[in-house]
Amino acid sequence: MIRKAFKMKVFPDKIDEYIKRHNPIWKELEDTLKSHKVRNYSIFWDKETNLLFGYAELESEIKWNKIANTDVCKRWWNYMSDLMETNEDNSPVSIELEQVFYLF
Protein backbone atom coordinates (compact mmCIF):
# COMPACT_ATOMS: atom_id res chain seq x y z
CA MET A 1 0.00 0.00 0.00
CA ILE A 2 1.18 3.51 -0.85
CA ARG A 3 0.23 6.45 1.37
CA LYS A 4 -0.14 9.64 -0.68
CA ALA A 5 -0.47 13.15 0.74
CA PHE A 6 -0.88 16.39 -1.16
CA LYS A 7 -2.08 19.94 -0.77
CA MET A 8 -4.38 22.11 -2.85
CA LYS A 9 -5.96 25.53 -2.31
CA VAL A 10 -9.63 26.47 -2.16
CA PHE A 11 -10.74 30.06 -2.72
CA PRO A 12 -11.63 31.65 0.66
CA ASP A 13 -15.22 32.45 -0.26
CA LYS A 14 -15.83 29.03 -1.84
CA ILE A 15 -15.20 26.59 1.03
CA ASP A 16 -18.89 26.10 1.85
CA GLU A 17 -19.63 25.17 -1.76
CA TYR A 18 -16.52 22.96 -1.87
CA ILE A 19 -17.78 21.03 1.15
CA LYS A 20 -21.31 20.83 -0.26
CA ARG A 21 -20.10 19.38 -3.57
CA HIS A 22 -18.13 16.67 -1.75
CA ASN A 23 -20.99 15.54 0.47
CA PRO A 24 -21.63 13.29 -1.26
CA ILE A 25 -19.33 13.07 -4.24
CA TRP A 26 -20.82 11.63 -7.40
CA LYS A 27 -21.42 7.88 -7.13
CA GLU A 28 -19.66 7.38 -10.49
CA LEU A 29 -16.55 9.14 -9.17
CA GLU A 30 -16.62 7.12 -5.96
CA ASP A 31 -16.87 3.92 -7.99
CA THR A 32 -13.97 5.02 -10.21
CA LEU A 33 -11.75 5.74 -7.22
CA LYS A 34 -12.58 2.39 -5.65
CA SER A 35 -12.10 0.47 -8.90
CA HIS A 36 -8.63 2.03 -9.17
CA LYS A 37 -7.92 0.76 -5.64
CA VAL A 38 -7.98 4.11 -3.80
CA ARG A 39 -8.89 3.69 -0.12
CA ASN A 40 -9.13 5.88 2.97
CA TYR A 41 -9.29 9.07 0.92
CA SER A 42 -9.70 12.17 3.11
CA ILE A 43 -9.44 15.90 2.52
CA PHE A 44 -8.87 18.32 5.40
CA TRP A 45 -9.19 22.12 5.35
CA ASP A 46 -6.84 24.59 7.10
CA LYS A 47 -9.09 27.56 7.91
CA GLU A 48 -6.16 29.95 8.33
CA THR A 49 -4.56 29.36 4.94
CA ASN A 50 -7.42 27.82 2.91
CA LEU A 51 -5.11 24.96 2.08
CA LEU A 52 -6.63 21.55 1.56
CA PHE A 53 -4.66 18.53 2.74
CA GLY A 54 -5.47 15.34 0.88
CA TYR A 55 -4.58 11.84 2.02
CA ALA A 56 -5.25 8.58 0.19
CA GLU A 57 -4.03 5.02 0.29
CA LEU A 58 -3.27 3.50 -3.11
CA GLU A 59 -2.48 0.13 -4.54
CA SER A 60 -0.25 1.72 -7.19
CA GLU A 61 0.78 5.08 -8.59
CA ILE A 62 -0.03 3.78 -12.08
CA LYS A 63 -3.68 3.13 -11.16
CA TRP A 64 -3.85 6.50 -9.34
CA ASN A 65 -2.54 8.34 -12.40
CA LYS A 66 -5.01 6.53 -14.71
CA ILE A 67 -7.92 8.14 -12.85
CA ALA A 68 -7.02 11.50 -14.43
CA ASN A 69 -7.80 10.05 -17.87
CA THR A 70 -11.34 8.97 -17.00
CA ASP A 71 -14.32 10.92 -18.24
CA VAL A 72 -15.80 11.25 -14.77
CA CYS A 73 -12.60 12.72 -13.36
CA LYS A 74 -12.40 15.30 -16.13
CA ARG A 75 -16.05 16.23 -15.56
CA TRP A 76 -15.39 16.52 -11.80
CA TRP A 77 -12.42 18.81 -12.39
CA ASN A 78 -14.58 21.05 -14.59
CA TYR A 79 -17.32 21.05 -11.95
CA MET A 80 -14.87 22.06 -9.20
CA SER A 81 -12.72 24.52 -11.21
CA ASP A 82 -14.57 27.63 -10.04
CA LEU A 83 -13.82 26.82 -6.40
CA MET A 84 -10.07 26.31 -6.31
CA GLU A 85 -6.72 26.93 -7.96
CA THR A 86 -6.49 24.85 -11.13
CA ASN A 87 -4.18 24.04 -14.01
CA GLU A 88 -5.05 24.74 -17.65
CA ASP A 89 -6.85 21.37 -17.93
CA ASN A 90 -8.96 22.26 -14.84
CA SER A 91 -7.14 19.71 -12.69
CA PRO A 92 -6.50 21.10 -9.22
CA VAL A 93 -3.08 22.58 -8.58
CA SER A 94 -1.77 19.84 -6.33
CA ILE A 95 1.57 19.69 -4.57
CA GLU A 96 2.68 16.28 -3.40
CA LEU A 97 3.94 16.13 0.17
CA GLU A 98 6.90 14.06 1.25
CA GLN A 99 6.48 11.70 4.17
CA VAL A 100 8.95 12.41 6.97
CA PHE A 101 7.46 10.27 9.75
CA TYR A 102 5.23 7.23 10.02
CA LEU A 103 4.14 5.29 13.10
CA PHE A 104 2.45 1.95 12.53
PDB file of N, CA and C in Angstrom:
ATOM      1  N   MET A   1       0.830  -1.182   0.000  1.00  0.00           N
ATOM      2  CA  MET A   1       0.000   0.000   0.000  1.00  0.00           C
ATOM      3  C   MET A   1       0.879   1.251   0.000  1.00  0.00           C
ATOM      4  N   ILE A   2       0.477   2.224  -0.758  1.00  0.00           N
ATOM      5  CA  ILE A   2       1.177   3.510  -0.849  1.00  0.00           C
ATOM      6  C   ILE A   2       0.323   4.558  -0.156  1.00  0.00           C
ATOM      7  N   ARG A   3       0.922   5.330   0.732  1.00  0.00           N
ATOM      8  CA  ARG A   3       0.228   6.454   1.371  1.00  0.00           C
ATOM      9  C   ARG A   3       0.607   7.718   0.614  1.00  0.00           C
ATOM     10  N   LYS A   4      -0.386   8.432   0.114  1.00  0.00           N
ATOM     11  CA  LYS A   4      -0.144   9.636  -0.684  1.00  0.00           C
ATOM     12  C   LYS A   4      -0.749  10.822   0.045  1.00  0.00           C
ATOM     13  N   ALA A   5       0.024  11.906   0.147  1.00  0.00           N
ATOM     14  CA  ALA A   5      -0.469  13.149   0.740  1.00  0.00           C
ATOM     15  C   ALA A   5      -0.139  14.294  -0.203  1.00  0.00           C
ATOM     16  N   PHE A   6      -1.054  15.258  -0.261  1.00  0.00           N
ATOM     17  CA  PHE A   6      -0.877  16.388  -1.165  1.00  0.00           C
ATOM     18  C   PHE A   6      -1.676  17.567  -0.641  1.00  0.00           C
ATOM     19  N   LYS A   7      -1.331  18.752  -1.163  1.00  0.00           N
ATOM     20  CA  LYS A   7      -2.085  19.938  -0.774  1.00  0.00           C
ATOM     21  C   LYS A   7      -2.591  20.661  -2.012  1.00  0.00           C
ATOM     22  N   MET A   8      -3.735  21.323  -1.809  1.00  0.00           N
ATOM     23  CA  MET A   8      -4.384  22.109  -2.854  1.00  0.00           C
ATOM     24  C   MET A   8      -4.886  23.380  -2.165  1.00  0.00           C
ATOM     25  N   LYS A   9      -5.468  24.294  -2.916  1.00  0.00           N
ATOM     26  CA  LYS A   9      -5.962  25.526  -2.310  1.00  0.00           C
ATOM     27  C   LYS A   9      -7.367  25.845  -2.808  1.00  0.00           C
ATOM     28  N   VAL A  10      -8.255  26.068  -1.850  1.00  0.00           N
ATOM     29  CA  VAL A  10      -9.628  26.469  -2.156  1.00  0.00           C
ATOM     30  C   VAL A  10      -9.721  27.986  -2.007  1.00  0.00           C
ATOM     31  N   PHE A  11     -10.536  28.618  -2.847  1.00  0.00           N
ATOM     32  CA  PHE A  11     -10.736  30.057  -2.717  1.00  0.00           C
ATOM     33  C   PHE A  11     -11.479  30.340  -1.413  1.00  0.00           C
ATOM     34  N   PRO A  12     -11.078  31.384  -0.677  1.00  0.00           N
ATOM     35  CA  PRO A  12     -11.633  31.648   0.663  1.00  0.00           C
ATOM     36  C   PRO A  12     -13.162  31.733   0.716  1.00  0.00           C
ATOM     37  N   ASP A  13     -13.764  32.292  -0.289  1.00  0.00           N
ATOM     38  CA  ASP A  13     -15.216  32.454  -0.263  1.00  0.00           C
ATOM     39  C   ASP A  13     -15.956  31.260  -0.871  1.00  0.00           C
ATOM     40  N   LYS A  14     -15.231  30.177  -1.163  1.00  0.00           N
ATOM     41  CA  LYS A  14     -15.834  29.026  -1.836  1.00  0.00           C
ATOM     42  C   LYS A  14     -15.817  27.746  -0.994  1.00  0.00           C
ATOM     43  N   ILE A  15     -15.330  27.811   0.241  1.00  0.00           N
ATOM     44  CA  ILE A  15     -15.197  26.589   1.034  1.00  0.00           C
ATOM     45  C   ILE A  15     -16.550  25.932   1.303  1.00  0.00           C
ATOM     46  N   ASP A  16     -17.575  26.711   1.580  1.00  0.00           N
ATOM     47  CA  ASP A  16     -18.886  26.104   1.847  1.00  0.00           C
ATOM     48  C   ASP A  16     -19.390  25.316   0.644  1.00  0.00           C
ATOM     49  N   GLU A  17     -19.217  25.877  -0.546  1.00  0.00           N
ATOM     50  CA  GLU A  17     -19.634  25.173  -1.759  1.00  0.00           C
ATOM     51  C   GLU A  17     -18.745  23.959  -2.004  1.00  0.00           C
ATOM     52  N   TYR A  18     -17.446  24.081  -1.722  1.00  0.00           N
ATOM     53  CA  TYR A  18     -16.522  22.956  -1.874  1.00  0.00           C
ATOM     54  C   TYR A  18     -16.988  21.785  -1.004  1.00  0.00           C
ATOM     55  N   ILE A  19     -17.315  22.076   0.231  1.00  0.00           N
ATOM     56  CA  ILE A  19     -17.780  21.031   1.151  1.00  0.00           C
ATOM     57  C   ILE A  19     -19.100  20.437   0.653  1.00  0.00           C
ATOM     58  N   LYS A  20     -20.005  21.288   0.235  1.00  0.00           N
ATOM     59  CA  LYS A  20     -21.308  20.833  -0.259  1.00  0.00           C
ATOM     60  C   LYS A  20     -21.146  19.874  -1.437  1.00  0.00           C
ATOM     61  N   ARG A  21     -20.273  20.214  -2.369  1.00  0.00           N
ATOM     62  CA  ARG A  21     -20.101  19.376  -3.566  1.00  0.00           C
ATOM     63  C   ARG A  21     -19.437  18.035  -3.257  1.00  0.00           C
ATOM     64  N   HIS A  22     -18.772  17.935  -2.129  1.00  0.00           N
ATOM     65  CA  HIS A  22     -18.132  16.670  -1.747  1.00  0.00           C
ATOM     66  C   HIS A  22     -19.024  15.790  -0.871  1.00  0.00           C
ATOM     67  N   ASN A  23     -20.163  16.277  -0.482  1.00  0.00           N
ATOM     68  CA  ASN A  23     -20.992  15.539   0.467  1.00  0.00           C
ATOM     69  C   ASN A  23     -22.399  15.332  -0.048  1.00  0.00           C
ATOM     70  N   PRO A  24     -22.604  14.303  -0.852  1.00  0.00           N
ATOM     71  CA  PRO A  24     -21.630  13.291  -1.256  1.00  0.00           C
ATOM     72  C   PRO A  24     -21.007  13.615  -2.611  1.00  0.00           C
ATOM     73  N   ILE A  25     -19.879  12.963  -2.895  1.00  0.00           N
ATOM     74  CA  ILE A  25     -19.326  13.066  -4.245  1.00  0.00           C
ATOM     75  C   ILE A  25     -20.208  12.214  -5.156  1.00  0.00           C
ATOM     76  N   TRP A  26     -20.050  12.414  -6.442  1.00  0.00           N
ATOM     77  CA  TRP A  26     -20.821  11.626  -7.398  1.00  0.00           C
ATOM     78  C   TRP A  26     -20.529  10.139  -7.200  1.00  0.00           C
ATOM     79  N   LYS A  27     -21.560   9.334  -7.273  1.00  0.00           N
ATOM     80  CA  LYS A  27     -21.415   7.878  -7.134  1.00  0.00           C
ATOM     81  C   LYS A  27     -20.461   7.328  -8.196  1.00  0.00           C
ATOM     82  N   GLU A  28     -20.544   7.847  -9.404  1.00  0.00           N
ATOM     83  CA  GLU A  28     -19.663   7.383 -10.489  1.00  0.00           C
ATOM     84  C   GLU A  28     -18.194   7.673 -10.172  1.00  0.00           C
ATOM     85  N   LEU A  29     -17.921   8.813  -9.556  1.00  0.00           N
ATOM     86  CA  LEU A  29     -16.548   9.137  -9.173  1.00  0.00           C
ATOM     87  C   LEU A  29     -16.091   8.239  -8.032  1.00  0.00           C
ATOM     88  N   GLU A  30     -16.955   8.037  -7.060  1.00  0.00           N
ATOM     89  CA  GLU A  30     -16.621   7.119  -5.960  1.00  0.00           C
ATOM     90  C   GLU A  30     -16.285   5.730  -6.498  1.00  0.00           C
ATOM     91  N   ASP A  31     -17.113   5.235  -7.404  1.00  0.00           N
ATOM     92  CA  ASP A  31     -16.871   3.915  -7.991  1.00  0.00           C
ATOM     93  C   ASP A  31     -15.551   3.871  -8.754  1.00  0.00           C
ATOM     94  N   THR A  32     -15.230   4.946  -9.459  1.00  0.00           N
ATOM     95  CA  THR A  32     -13.973   5.020 -10.212  1.00  0.00           C
ATOM     96  C   THR A  32     -12.781   4.983  -9.260  1.00  0.00           C
ATOM     97  N   LEU A  33     -12.842   5.753  -8.201  1.00  0.00           N
ATOM     98  CA  LEU A  33     -11.748   5.742  -7.219  1.00  0.00           C
ATOM     99  C   LEU A  33     -11.570   4.344  -6.637  1.00  0.00           C
ATOM    100  N   LYS A  34     -12.661   3.728  -6.246  1.00  0.00           N
ATOM    101  CA  LYS A  34     -12.578   2.394  -5.653  1.00  0.00           C
ATOM    102  C   LYS A  34     -12.091   1.349  -6.654  1.00  0.00           C
ATOM    103  N   SER A  35     -12.537   1.453  -7.902  1.00  0.00           N
ATOM    104  CA  SER A  35     -12.103   0.475  -8.901  1.00  0.00           C
ATOM    105  C   SER A  35     -10.621   0.624  -9.250  1.00  0.00           C
ATOM    106  N   HIS A  36     -10.063   1.805  -8.973  1.00  0.00           N
ATOM    107  CA  HIS A  36      -8.633   2.034  -9.171  1.00  0.00           C
ATOM    108  C   HIS A  36      -7.855   1.818  -7.870  1.00  0.00           C
ATOM    109  N   LYS A  37      -8.518   1.197  -6.913  1.00  0.00           N
ATOM    110  CA  LYS A  37      -7.922   0.759  -5.640  1.00  0.00           C
ATOM    111  C   LYS A  37      -7.451   1.915  -4.756  1.00  0.00           C
ATOM    112  N   VAL A  38      -8.231   2.995  -4.714  1.00  0.00           N
ATOM    113  CA  VAL A  38      -7.977   4.114  -3.799  1.00  0.00           C
ATOM    114  C   VAL A  38      -8.820   3.864  -2.549  1.00  0.00           C
ATOM    115  N   ARG A  39      -8.198   3.941  -1.391  1.00  0.00           N
ATOM    116  CA  ARG A  39      -8.887   3.695  -0.122  1.00  0.00           C
ATOM    117  C   ARG A  39      -8.537   4.802   0.872  1.00  0.00           C
ATOM    118  N   ASN A  40      -9.374   4.931   1.868  1.00  0.00           N
ATOM    119  CA  ASN A  40      -9.128   5.877   2.974  1.00  0.00           C
ATOM    120  C   ASN A  40      -8.762   7.269   2.470  1.00  0.00           C
ATOM    121  N   TYR A  41      -9.535   7.757   1.530  1.00  0.00           N
ATOM    122  CA  TYR A  41      -9.294   9.071   0.924  1.00  0.00           C
ATOM    123  C   TYR A  41      -9.971  10.127   1.792  1.00  0.00           C
ATOM    124  N   SER A  42      -9.186  11.073   2.279  1.00  0.00           N
ATOM    125  CA  SER A  42      -9.699  12.168   3.106  1.00  0.00           C
ATOM    126  C   SER A  42      -9.130  13.484   2.612  1.00  0.00           C
ATOM    127  N   ILE A  43      -9.905  14.548   2.795  1.00  0.00           N
ATOM    128  CA  ILE A  43      -9.435  15.901   2.518  1.00  0.00           C
ATOM    129  C   ILE A  43      -9.741  16.743   3.746  1.00  0.00           C
ATOM    130  N   PHE A  44      -8.741  17.462   4.228  1.00  0.00           N
ATOM    131  CA  PHE A  44      -8.869  18.323   5.398  1.00  0.00           C
ATOM    132  C   PHE A  44      -8.652  19.770   4.971  1.00  0.00           C
ATOM    133  N   TRP A  45      -9.278  20.694   5.672  1.00  0.00           N
ATOM    134  CA  TRP A  45      -9.195  22.123   5.352  1.00  0.00           C
ATOM    135  C   TRP A  45      -8.517  22.880   6.482  1.00  0.00           C
ATOM    136  N   ASP A  46      -7.501  23.680   6.150  1.00  0.00           N
ATOM    137  CA  ASP A  46      -6.844  24.586   7.096  1.00  0.00           C
ATOM    138  C   ASP A  46      -7.516  25.946   6.964  1.00  0.00           C
ATOM    139  N   LYS A  47      -8.296  26.325   7.959  1.00  0.00           N
ATOM    140  CA  LYS A  47      -9.086  27.561   7.909  1.00  0.00           C
ATOM    141  C   LYS A  47      -8.226  28.817   7.808  1.00  0.00           C
ATOM    142  N   GLU A  48      -7.019  28.767   8.344  1.00  0.00           N
ATOM    143  CA  GLU A  48      -6.156  29.954   8.332  1.00  0.00           C
ATOM    144  C   GLU A  48      -5.556  30.231   6.964  1.00  0.00           C
ATOM    145  N   THR A  49      -5.258  29.189   6.213  1.00  0.00           N
ATOM    146  CA  THR A  49      -4.562  29.357   4.936  1.00  0.00           C
ATOM    147  C   THR A  49      -5.415  28.992   3.724  1.00  0.00           C
ATOM    148  N   ASN A  50      -6.565  28.370   3.962  1.00  0.00           N
ATOM    149  CA  ASN A  50      -7.422  27.825   2.906  1.00  0.00           C
ATOM    150  C   ASN A  50      -6.741  26.723   2.101  1.00  0.00           C
ATOM    151  N   LEU A  51      -5.739  26.106   2.711  1.00  0.00           N
ATOM    152  CA  LEU A  51      -5.111  24.957   2.079  1.00  0.00           C
ATOM    153  C   LEU A  51      -5.933  23.716   2.383  1.00  0.00           C
ATOM    154  N   LEU A  52      -6.000  22.844   1.407  1.00  0.00           N
ATOM    155  CA  LEU A  52      -6.629  21.549   1.558  1.00  0.00           C
ATOM    156  C   LEU A  52      -5.523  20.508   1.632  1.00  0.00           C
ATOM    157  N   PHE A  53      -5.618  19.612   2.590  1.00  0.00           N
ATOM    158  CA  PHE A  53      -4.657  18.533   2.740  1.00  0.00           C
ATOM    159  C   PHE A  53      -5.366  17.239   2.372  1.00  0.00           C
ATOM    160  N   GLY A  54      -4.879  16.593   1.322  1.00  0.00           N
ATOM    161  CA  GLY A  54      -5.469  15.340   0.884  1.00  0.00           C
ATOM    162  C   GLY A  54      -4.601  14.168   1.289  1.00  0.00           C
ATOM    163  N   TYR A  55      -5.267  13.080   1.658  1.00  0.00           N
ATOM    164  CA  TYR A  55      -4.576  11.841   2.017  1.00  0.00           C
ATOM    165  C   TYR A  55      -5.342  10.684   1.398  1.00  0.00           C
ATOM    166  N   ALA A  56      -4.627   9.770   0.767  1.00  0.00           N
ATOM    167  CA  ALA A  56      -5.255   8.580   0.194  1.00  0.00           C
ATOM    168  C   ALA A  56      -4.276   7.422   0.265  1.00  0.00           C
ATOM    169  N   GLU A  57      -4.829   6.234   0.338  1.00  0.00           N
ATOM    170  CA  GLU A  57      -4.026   5.017   0.290  1.00  0.00           C
ATOM    171  C   GLU A  57      -4.281   4.350  -1.054  1.00  0.00           C
ATOM    172  N   LEU A  58      -3.199   4.004  -1.732  1.00  0.00           N
ATOM    173  CA  LEU A  58      -3.265   3.499  -3.107  1.00  0.00           C
ATOM    174  C   LEU A  58      -2.655   2.115  -3.218  1.00  0.00           C
ATOM    175  N   GLU A  59      -3.124   1.389  -4.195  1.00  0.00           N
ATOM    176  CA  GLU A  59      -2.482   0.127  -4.537  1.00  0.00           C
ATOM    177  C   GLU A  59      -1.252   0.391  -5.407  1.00  0.00           C
ATOM    178  N   SER A  60      -1.379   1.390  -6.322  1.00  0.00           N
ATOM    179  CA  SER A  60      -0.245   1.715  -7.190  1.00  0.00           C
ATOM    180  C   SER A  60      -0.375   3.133  -7.730  1.00  0.00           C
ATOM    181  N   GLU A  61       0.757   3.744  -7.981  1.00  0.00           N
ATOM    182  CA  GLU A  61       0.782   5.078  -8.594  1.00  0.00           C
ATOM    183  C   GLU A  61       0.224   5.017 -10.016  1.00  0.00           C
ATOM    184  N   ILE A  62       0.458   3.926 -10.706  1.00  0.00           N
ATOM    185  CA  ILE A  62      -0.032   3.776 -12.081  1.00  0.00           C
ATOM    186  C   ILE A  62      -1.555   3.851 -12.101  1.00  0.00           C
ATOM    187  N   LYS A  63      -2.213   3.097 -11.214  1.00  0.00           N
ATOM    188  CA  LYS A  63      -3.677   3.128 -11.156  1.00  0.00           C
ATOM    189  C   LYS A  63      -4.169   4.510 -10.739  1.00  0.00           C
ATOM    190  N   TRP A  64      -3.485   5.142  -9.783  1.00  0.00           N
ATOM    191  CA  TRP A  64      -3.850   6.500  -9.341  1.00  0.00           C
ATOM    192  C   TRP A  64      -3.799   7.473 -10.514  1.00  0.00           C
ATOM    193  N   ASN A  65      -2.713   7.421 -11.280  1.00  0.00           N
ATOM    194  CA  ASN A  65      -2.541   8.338 -12.404  1.00  0.00           C
ATOM    195  C   ASN A  65      -3.552   8.084 -13.524  1.00  0.00           C
ATOM    196  N   LYS A  66      -4.021   6.848 -13.671  1.00  0.00           N
ATOM    197  CA  LYS A  66      -5.006   6.531 -14.711  1.00  0.00           C
ATOM    198  C   LYS A  66      -6.358   7.182 -14.439  1.00  0.00           C
ATOM    199  N   ILE A  67      -6.642   7.500 -13.196  1.00  0.00           N
ATOM    200  CA  ILE A  67      -7.919   8.140 -12.854  1.00  0.00           C
ATOM    201  C   ILE A  67      -8.069   9.455 -13.603  1.00  0.00           C
ATOM    202  N   ALA A  68      -6.975  10.189 -13.756  1.00  0.00           N
ATOM    203  CA  ALA A  68      -7.020  11.496 -14.432  1.00  0.00           C
ATOM    204  C   ALA A  68      -7.493  11.392 -15.875  1.00  0.00           C
ATOM    205  N   ASN A  69      -7.386  10.232 -16.483  1.00  0.00           N
ATOM    206  CA  ASN A  69      -7.802  10.048 -17.873  1.00  0.00           C
ATOM    207  C   ASN A  69      -9.251   9.601 -18.020  1.00  0.00           C
ATOM    208  N   THR A  70      -9.947   9.407 -16.904  1.00  0.00           N
ATOM    209  CA  THR A  70     -11.339   8.969 -16.996  1.00  0.00           C
ATOM    210  C   THR A  70     -12.254  10.157 -17.270  1.00  0.00           C
ATOM    211  N   ASP A  71     -13.347   9.878 -17.939  1.00  0.00           N
ATOM    212  CA  ASP A  71     -14.322  10.918 -18.244  1.00  0.00           C
ATOM    213  C   ASP A  71     -14.895  11.544 -16.972  1.00  0.00           C
ATOM    214  N   VAL A  72     -15.202  10.722 -15.992  1.00  0.00           N
ATOM    215  CA  VAL A  72     -15.803  11.249 -14.768  1.00  0.00           C
ATOM    216  C   VAL A  72     -14.845  12.163 -14.015  1.00  0.00           C
ATOM    217  N   CYS A  73     -13.579  11.852 -14.024  1.00  0.00           N
ATOM    218  CA  CYS A  73     -12.599  12.717 -13.356  1.00  0.00           C
ATOM    219  C   CYS A  73     -12.506  14.064 -14.056  1.00  0.00           C
ATOM    220  N   LYS A  74     -12.471  14.041 -15.375  1.00  0.00           N
ATOM    221  CA  LYS A  74     -12.403  15.300 -16.128  1.00  0.00           C
ATOM    222  C   LYS A  74     -13.658  16.148 -15.912  1.00  0.00           C
ATOM    223  N   ARG A  75     -14.814  15.489 -15.845  1.00  0.00           N
ATOM    224  CA  ARG A  75     -16.048  16.226 -15.563  1.00  0.00           C
ATOM    225  C   ARG A  75     -16.026  16.794 -14.152  1.00  0.00           C
ATOM    226  N   TRP A  76     -15.497  16.049 -13.187  1.00  0.00           N
ATOM    227  CA  TRP A  76     -15.388  16.519 -11.803  1.00  0.00           C
ATOM    228  C   TRP A  76     -14.477  17.737 -11.719  1.00  0.00           C
ATOM    229  N   TRP A  77     -13.338  17.668 -12.400  1.00  0.00           N
ATOM    230  CA  TRP A  77     -12.423  18.811 -12.393  1.00  0.00           C
ATOM    231  C   TRP A  77     -13.120  20.057 -12.940  1.00  0.00           C
ATOM    232  N   ASN A  78     -13.848  19.919 -14.028  1.00  0.00           N
ATOM    233  CA  ASN A  78     -14.584  21.054 -14.589  1.00  0.00           C
ATOM    234  C   ASN A  78     -15.601  21.594 -13.591  1.00  0.00           C
ATOM    235  N   TYR A  79     -16.294  20.692 -12.937  1.00  0.00           N
ATOM    236  CA  TYR A  79     -17.315  21.045 -11.955  1.00  0.00           C
ATOM    237  C   TYR A  79     -16.714  21.808 -10.771  1.00  0.00           C
ATOM    238  N   MET A  80     -15.508  21.470 -10.385  1.00  0.00           N
ATOM    239  CA  MET A  80     -14.866  22.063  -9.204  1.00  0.00           C
ATOM    240  C   MET A  80     -13.975  23.251  -9.543  1.00  0.00           C
ATOM    241  N   SER A  81     -13.730  23.537 -10.801  1.00  0.00           N
ATOM    242  CA  SER A  81     -12.722  24.521 -11.210  1.00  0.00           C
ATOM    243  C   SER A  81     -13.018  25.946 -10.758  1.00  0.00           C
ATOM    244  N   ASP A  82     -14.257  26.272 -10.494  1.00  0.00           N
ATOM    245  CA  ASP A  82     -14.573  27.629 -10.042  1.00  0.00           C
ATOM    246  C   ASP A  82     -14.356  27.825  -8.544  1.00  0.00           C
ATOM    247  N   LEU A  83     -13.955  26.763  -7.851  1.00  0.00           N
ATOM    248  CA  LEU A  83     -13.817  26.821  -6.395  1.00  0.00           C
ATOM    249  C   LEU A  83     -12.376  26.824  -5.897  1.00  0.00           C
ATOM    250  N   MET A  84     -11.445  26.507  -6.786  1.00  0.00           N
ATOM    251  CA  MET A  84     -10.069  26.308  -6.315  1.00  0.00           C
ATOM    252  C   MET A  84      -9.047  26.634  -7.395  1.00  0.00           C
ATOM    253  N   GLU A  85      -7.801  26.701  -6.990  1.00  0.00           N
ATOM    254  CA  GLU A  85      -6.720  26.928  -7.957  1.00  0.00           C
ATOM    255  C   GLU A  85      -6.594  25.701  -8.846  1.00  0.00           C
ATOM    256  N   THR A  86      -6.544  25.954 -10.172  1.00  0.00           N
ATOM    257  CA  THR A  86      -6.486  24.847 -11.126  1.00  0.00           C
ATOM    258  C   THR A  86      -5.423  25.082 -12.191  1.00  0.00           C
ATOM    259  N   ASN A  87      -5.070  24.000 -12.854  1.00  0.00           N
ATOM    260  CA  ASN A  87      -4.184  24.040 -14.008  1.00  0.00           C
ATOM    261  C   ASN A  87      -5.020  24.319 -15.255  1.00  0.00           C
ATOM    262  N   GLU A  88      -4.355  24.442 -16.397  1.00  0.00           N
ATOM    263  CA  GLU A  88      -5.053  24.738 -17.650  1.00  0.00           C
ATOM    264  C   GLU A  88      -6.101  23.687 -18.021  1.00  0.00           C
ATOM    265  N   ASP A  89      -5.890  22.435 -17.618  1.00  0.00           N
ATOM    266  CA  ASP A  89      -6.847  21.372 -17.930  1.00  0.00           C
ATOM    267  C   ASP A  89      -7.943  21.231 -16.865  1.00  0.00           C
ATOM    268  N   ASN A  90      -8.011  22.211 -15.953  1.00  0.00           N
ATOM    269  CA  ASN A  90      -8.956  22.257 -14.838  1.00  0.00           C
ATOM    270  C   ASN A  90      -8.628  21.288 -13.709  1.00  0.00           C
ATOM    271  N   SER A  91      -7.553  20.534 -13.824  1.00  0.00           N
ATOM    272  CA  SER A  91      -7.140  19.707 -12.690  1.00  0.00           C
ATOM    273  C   SER A  91      -6.696  20.635 -11.557  1.00  0.00           C
ATOM    274  N   PRO A  92      -6.913  20.229 -10.322  1.00  0.00           N
ATOM    275  CA  PRO A  92      -6.496  21.097  -9.225  1.00  0.00           C
ATOM    276  C   PRO A  92      -4.976  21.227  -9.174  1.00  0.00           C
ATOM    277  N   VAL A  93      -4.505  22.422  -8.865  1.00  0.00           N
ATOM    278  CA  VAL A  93      -3.079  22.583  -8.584  1.00  0.00           C
ATOM    279  C   VAL A  93      -2.828  21.769  -7.324  1.00  0.00           C
ATOM    280  N   SER A  94      -1.991  20.769  -7.431  1.00  0.00           N
ATOM    281  CA  SER A  94      -1.769  19.840  -6.334  1.00  0.00           C
ATOM    282  C   SER A  94      -0.276  19.662  -6.131  1.00  0.00           C
ATOM    283  N   ILE A  95       0.148  19.838  -4.908  1.00  0.00           N
ATOM    284  CA  ILE A  95       1.565  19.685  -4.572  1.00  0.00           C
ATOM    285  C   ILE A  95       1.712  18.465  -3.679  1.00  0.00           C
ATOM    286  N   GLU A  96       2.471  17.500  -4.167  1.00  0.00           N
ATOM    287  CA  GLU A  96       2.681  16.281  -3.403  1.00  0.00           C
ATOM    288  C   GLU A  96       3.550  16.575  -2.187  1.00  0.00           C
ATOM    289  N   LEU A  97       3.190  15.963  -1.072  1.00  0.00           N
ATOM    290  CA  LEU A  97       3.940  16.134   0.170  1.00  0.00           C
ATOM    291  C   LEU A  97       4.795  14.905   0.428  1.00  0.00           C
ATOM    292  N   GLU A  98       5.962  15.136   0.971  1.00  0.00           N
ATOM    293  CA  GLU A  98       6.904  14.060   1.250  1.00  0.00           C
ATOM    294  C   GLU A  98       6.719  13.584   2.682  1.00  0.00           C
ATOM    295  N   GLN A  99       6.606  12.274   2.834  1.00  0.00           N
ATOM    296  CA  GLN A  99       6.485  11.699   4.172  1.00  0.00           C
ATOM    297  C   GLN A  99       7.808  11.832   4.917  1.00  0.00           C
ATOM    298  N   VAL A 100       7.745  12.312   6.147  1.00  0.00           N
ATOM    299  CA  VAL A 100       8.954  12.413   6.968  1.00  0.00           C
ATOM    300  C   VAL A 100       8.847  11.597   8.247  1.00  0.00           C
ATOM    301  N   PHE A 101       7.646  11.096   8.549  1.00  0.00           N
ATOM    302  CA  PHE A 101       7.463  10.271   9.748  1.00  0.00           C
ATOM    303  C   PHE A 101       6.252   9.384   9.550  1.00  0.00           C
ATOM    304  N   TYR A 102       6.346   8.164  10.068  1.00  0.00           N
ATOM    305  CA  TYR A 102       5.226   7.228  10.021  1.00  0.00           C
ATOM    306  C   TYR A 102       5.318   6.320  11.232  1.00  0.00           C
ATOM    307  N   LEU A 103       4.224   6.198  11.951  1.00  0.00           N
ATOM    308  CA  LEU A 103       4.137   5.289  13.100  1.00  0.00           C
ATOM    309  C   LEU A 103       3.051   4.284  12.802  1.00  0.00           C
ATOM    310  N   PHE A 104       3.420   3.017  12.800  1.00  0.00           N
ATOM    311  CA  PHE A 104       2.449   1.953  12.530  1.00  0.00           C
ATOM    312  C   PHE A 104       2.090   1.269  13.817  1.00  0.00           C
TER     313      PHE A 104
END
